[in-house]
């Protein structure tokens, strides 16, 4: 079989071999390219299709989240402080990564990336 060029789980290209296994340093996925993927792995991939926060918790519409770091807002003098709690989020399918729509007091409606929040 040919050498793999990317991680089958996260598609990262900086993978490396360790004995007979290949390892992805980003998602810590380990696999043997000579062994076919089990059907259980495909079912797990379907579960992972949801939007997850920075800690890996699955998010849903109406959840409350906490902002993990100070986020500067383009074109505005203010920013969103770390620790700000945001209630009643709405999940959207965005190609630019901003997959949470929410309303923050003093700021208004804003789009956030799920990697900068954690489930409250």
C-alpha atoms as a PDB file:
ATOM      1  CA  UNK A   1       0.000   0.000   0.000  1.00  0.00           C
ATOM      2  CA  UNK A   2       1.242   3.540  -0.699  1.00  0.00           C
ATOM      3  CA  UNK A   3       2.307   5.940   2.035  1.00  0.00           C
ATOM      4  CA  UNK A   4      -0.574   8.016   3.493  1.00  0.00           C
ATOM      5  CA  UNK A   5      -0.343  11.757   2.881  1.00  0.00           C
ATOM      6  CA  UNK A   6      -2.902  13.051   5.405  1.00  0.00           C
ATOM      7  CA  UNK A   7      -4.835  12.060   8.527  1.00  0.00           C
ATOM      8  CA  UNK A   8      -8.106  10.267   7.683  1.00  0.00           C
ATOM      9  CA  UNK A   9      -9.834  11.901  10.672  1.00  0.00           C
ATOM     10  CA  UNK A  10      -8.857  15.613  10.436  1.00  0.00           C
ATOM     11  CA  UNK A  11      -7.118  15.755   7.008  1.00  0.00           C
ATOM     12  CA  UNK A  12      -3.906  17.265   8.489  1.00  0.00           C
ATOM     13  CA  UNK A  13      -0.885  16.690   6.224  1.00  0.00           C
ATOM     14  CA  UNK A  14       1.886  16.697   8.853  1.00  0.00           C
ATOM     15  CA  UNK A  15       1.523  13.044   9.882  1.00  0.00           C
ATOM     16  CA  UNK A  16       4.433  10.815  10.851  1.00  0.00           C
ATOM     17  CA  UNK A  17       5.128   7.060  11.109  1.00  0.00           C
ATOM     18  CA  UNK A  18       5.770   5.214  14.367  1.00  0.00           C
ATOM     19  CA  UNK A  19       6.551   1.587  13.662  1.00  0.00           C
ATOM     20  CA  UNK A  20       3.603   0.186  11.712  1.00  0.00           C
ATOM     21  CA  UNK A  21       1.248   2.991  12.794  1.00  0.00           C
ATOM     22  CA  UNK A  22       0.842   6.516  11.450  1.00  0.00           C
ATOM     23  CA  UNK A  23       0.135   9.298  13.946  1.00  0.00           C
ATOM     24  CA  UNK A  24      -1.496  12.720  13.561  1.00  0.00           C
ATOM     25  CA  UNK A  25      -0.020  15.290  15.990  1.00  0.00           C
ATOM     26  CA  UNK A  26      -3.141  17.492  15.737  1.00  0.00           C
ATOM     27  CA  UNK A  27      -5.957  15.080  16.651  1.00  0.00           C
ATOM     28  CA  UNK A  28      -3.808  12.222  18.098  1.00  0.00           C
ATOM     29  CA  UNK A  29      -5.398   9.734  15.709  1.00  0.00           C
ATOM     30  CA  UNK A  30      -3.352   6.561  15.170  1.00  0.00           C
ATOM     31  CA  UNK A  31      -3.989   4.129  12.338  1.00  0.00           C
ATOM     32  CA  UNK A  32      -2.422   1.357  10.328  1.00  0.00           C
ATOM     33  CA  UNK A  33      -2.809   2.082   6.592  1.00  0.00           C
ATOM     34  CA  UNK A  34      -2.580  -1.646   5.777  1.00  0.00           C
ATOM     35  CA  UNK A  35      -5.717  -2.470   7.808  1.00  0.00           C
ATOM     36  CA  UNK A  36      -9.097  -1.462   6.356  1.00  0.00           C
ATOM     37  CA  UNK A  37     -11.232   0.870   8.482  1.00  0.00           C
ATOM     38  CA  UNK A  38     -13.847  -0.906  10.577  1.00  0.00           C
ATOM     39  CA  UNK A  39     -17.531  -0.072  10.115  1.00  0.00           C
ATOM     40  CA  UNK A  40     -17.588   1.199  13.726  1.00  0.00           C
ATOM     41  CA  UNK A  41     -15.161   3.956  12.703  1.00  0.00           C
ATOM     42  CA  UNK A  42     -17.609   5.111  10.028  1.00  0.00           C
ATOM     43  CA  UNK A  43     -20.451   5.250  12.572  1.00  0.00           C
ATOM     44  CA  UNK A  44     -18.250   7.253  14.932  1.00  0.00           C
ATOM     45  CA  UNK A  45     -17.476   9.691  12.100  1.00  0.00           C
ATOM     46  CA  UNK A  46     -21.206  10.300  11.669  1.00  0.00           C
ATOM     47  CA  UNK A  47     -21.479  11.115  15.404  1.00  0.00           C
ATOM     48  CA  UNK A  48     -18.591  13.574  15.174  1.00  0.00           C
ATOM     49  CA  UNK A  49     -20.359  15.598  12.480  1.00  0.00           C
ATOM     50  CA  UNK A  50     -21.805  18.026  15.078  1.00  0.00           C
ATOM     51  CA  UNK A  51     -20.261  21.339  16.129  1.00  0.00           C
ATOM     52  CA  UNK A  52     -17.979  21.014  19.152  1.00  0.00           C
ATOM     53  CA  UNK A  53     -16.545  23.580  21.559  1.00  0.00           C
ATOM     54  CA  UNK A  54     -12.863  24.030  22.443  1.00  0.00           C
ATOM     55  CA  UNK A  55     -13.038  21.145  24.950  1.00  0.00           C
ATOM     56  CA  UNK A  56     -14.762  18.772  22.539  1.00  0.00           C
ATOM     57  CA  UNK A  57     -18.278  18.982  24.032  1.00  0.00           C
ATOM     58  CA  UNK A  58     -21.081  18.742  21.485  1.00  0.00           C
ATOM     59  CA  UNK A  59     -23.001  22.023  21.134  1.00  0.00           C
ATOM     60  CA  UNK A  60     -26.722  22.368  20.390  1.00  0.00           C
ATOM     61  CA  UNK A  61     -29.078  25.244  19.632  1.00  0.00           C
ATOM     62  CA  UNK A  62     -30.082  27.082  22.813  1.00  0.00           C
ATOM     63  CA  UNK A  63     -26.951  26.158  24.794  1.00  0.00           C
ATOM     64  CA  UNK A  64     -25.036  28.633  26.914  1.00  0.00           C
ATOM     65  CA  UNK A  65     -21.308  29.091  26.287  1.00  0.00           C
ATOM     66  CA  UNK A  66     -18.426  31.009  27.842  1.00  0.00           C
ATOM     67  CA  UNK A  67     -15.878  32.911  25.746  1.00  0.00           C
ATOM     68  CA  UNK A  68     -12.339  31.612  26.421  1.00  0.00           C
ATOM     69  CA  UNK A  69     -10.215  34.535  25.234  1.00  0.00           C
ATOM     70  CA  UNK A  70     -10.624  38.223  24.512  1.00  0.00           C
ATOM     71  CA  UNK A  71     -12.014  38.626  21.012  1.00  0.00           C
ATOM     72  CA  UNK A  72     -11.493  41.861  19.123  1.00  0.00           C
ATOM     73  CA  UNK A  73     -14.381  42.943  16.910  1.00  0.00           C
ATOM     74  CA  UNK A  74     -13.475  44.220  13.452  1.00  0.00           C
ATOM     75  CA  UNK A  75     -14.477  47.836  12.948  1.00  0.00           C
ATOM     76  CA  UNK A  76     -15.414  48.427  16.585  1.00  0.00           C
ATOM     77  CA  UNK A  77     -13.598  50.018  19.488  1.00  0.00           C
ATOM     78  CA  UNK A  78     -14.831  47.414  21.971  1.00  0.00           C
ATOM     79  CA  UNK A  79     -14.042  43.719  22.359  1.00  0.00           C
ATOM     80  CA  UNK A  80     -15.599  40.667  23.965  1.00  0.00           C
ATOM     81  CA  UNK A  81     -13.857  39.936  27.262  1.00  0.00           C
ATOM     82  CA  UNK A  82     -12.683  36.493  28.300  1.00  0.00           C
ATOM     83  CA  UNK A  83     -15.240  34.816  30.565  1.00  0.00           C
ATOM     84  CA  UNK A  84     -18.268  36.468  28.950  1.00  0.00           C
ATOM     85  CA  UNK A  85     -21.256  34.122  29.212  1.00  0.00           C
ATOM     86  CA  UNK A  86     -23.448  33.919  26.127  1.00  0.00           C
ATOM     87  CA  UNK A  87     -26.928  32.402  26.415  1.00  0.00           C
ATOM     88  CA  UNK A  88     -29.197  30.877  23.782  1.00  0.00           C
ATOM     89  CA  UNK A  89     -26.724  30.332  20.931  1.00  0.00           C
ATOM     90  CA  UNK A  90     -27.809  29.325  17.434  1.00  0.00           C
ATOM     91  CA  UNK A  91     -25.658  26.982  15.343  1.00  0.00           C
ATOM     92  CA  UNK A  92     -25.234  27.684  11.637  1.00  0.00           C
ATOM     93  CA  UNK A  93     -23.380  25.918   8.845  1.00  0.00           C
ATOM     94  CA  UNK A  94     -20.729  28.476   7.869  1.00  0.00           C
ATOM     95  CA  UNK A  95     -17.811  27.896   5.536  1.00  0.00           C
ATOM     96  CA  UNK A  96     -15.625  30.552   7.196  1.00  0.00           C
ATOM     97  CA  UNK A  97     -15.650  28.830  10.611  1.00  0.00           C
ATOM     98  CA  UNK A  98     -17.982  31.293  12.352  1.00  0.00           C
ATOM     99  CA  UNK A  99     -20.575  28.658  13.189  1.00  0.00           C
ATOM    100  CA  UNK A 100     -22.272  30.237  16.246  1.00  0.00           C
ATOM    101  CA  UNK A 101     -24.695  33.148  16.046  1.00  0.00           C
ATOM    102  CA  UNK A 102     -25.547  34.867  19.323  1.00  0.00           C
ATOM    103  CA  UNK A 103     -26.581  38.152  20.873  1.00  0.00           C
ATOM    104  CA  UNK A 104     -24.213  39.762  23.395  1.00  0.00           C
ATOM    105  CA  UNK A 105     -25.327  42.657  25.594  1.00  0.00           C
ATOM    106  CA  UNK A 106     -23.590  45.878  24.609  1.00  0.00           C
ATOM    107  CA  UNK A 107     -22.356  44.400  21.322  1.00  0.00           C
ATOM    108  CA  UNK A 108     -25.415  43.038  19.514  1.00  0.00           C
ATOM    109  CA  UNK A 109     -25.724  40.055  17.214  1.00  0.00           C
ATOM    110  CA  UNK A 110     -22.375  38.487  16.426  1.00  0.00           C
ATOM    111  CA  UNK A 111     -20.908  35.357  14.807  1.00  0.00           C
ATOM    112  CA  UNK A 112     -18.343  33.360  16.826  1.00  0.00           C
ATOM    113  CA  UNK A 113     -16.075  30.419  16.097  1.00  0.00           C
ATOM    114  CA  UNK A 114     -16.745  27.359  18.241  1.00  0.00           C
ATOM    115  CA  UNK A 115     -13.011  26.964  18.943  1.00  0.00           C
ATOM    116  CA  UNK A 116     -13.081  30.097  21.154  1.00  0.00           C
ATOM    117  CA  UNK A 117     -15.946  29.025  23.438  1.00  0.00           C
ATOM    118  CA  UNK A 118     -16.703  26.265  25.919  1.00  0.00           C
ATOM    119  CA  UNK A 119     -20.043  24.895  26.971  1.00  0.00           C
ATOM    120  CA  UNK A 120     -21.284  26.482  30.216  1.00  0.00           C
END
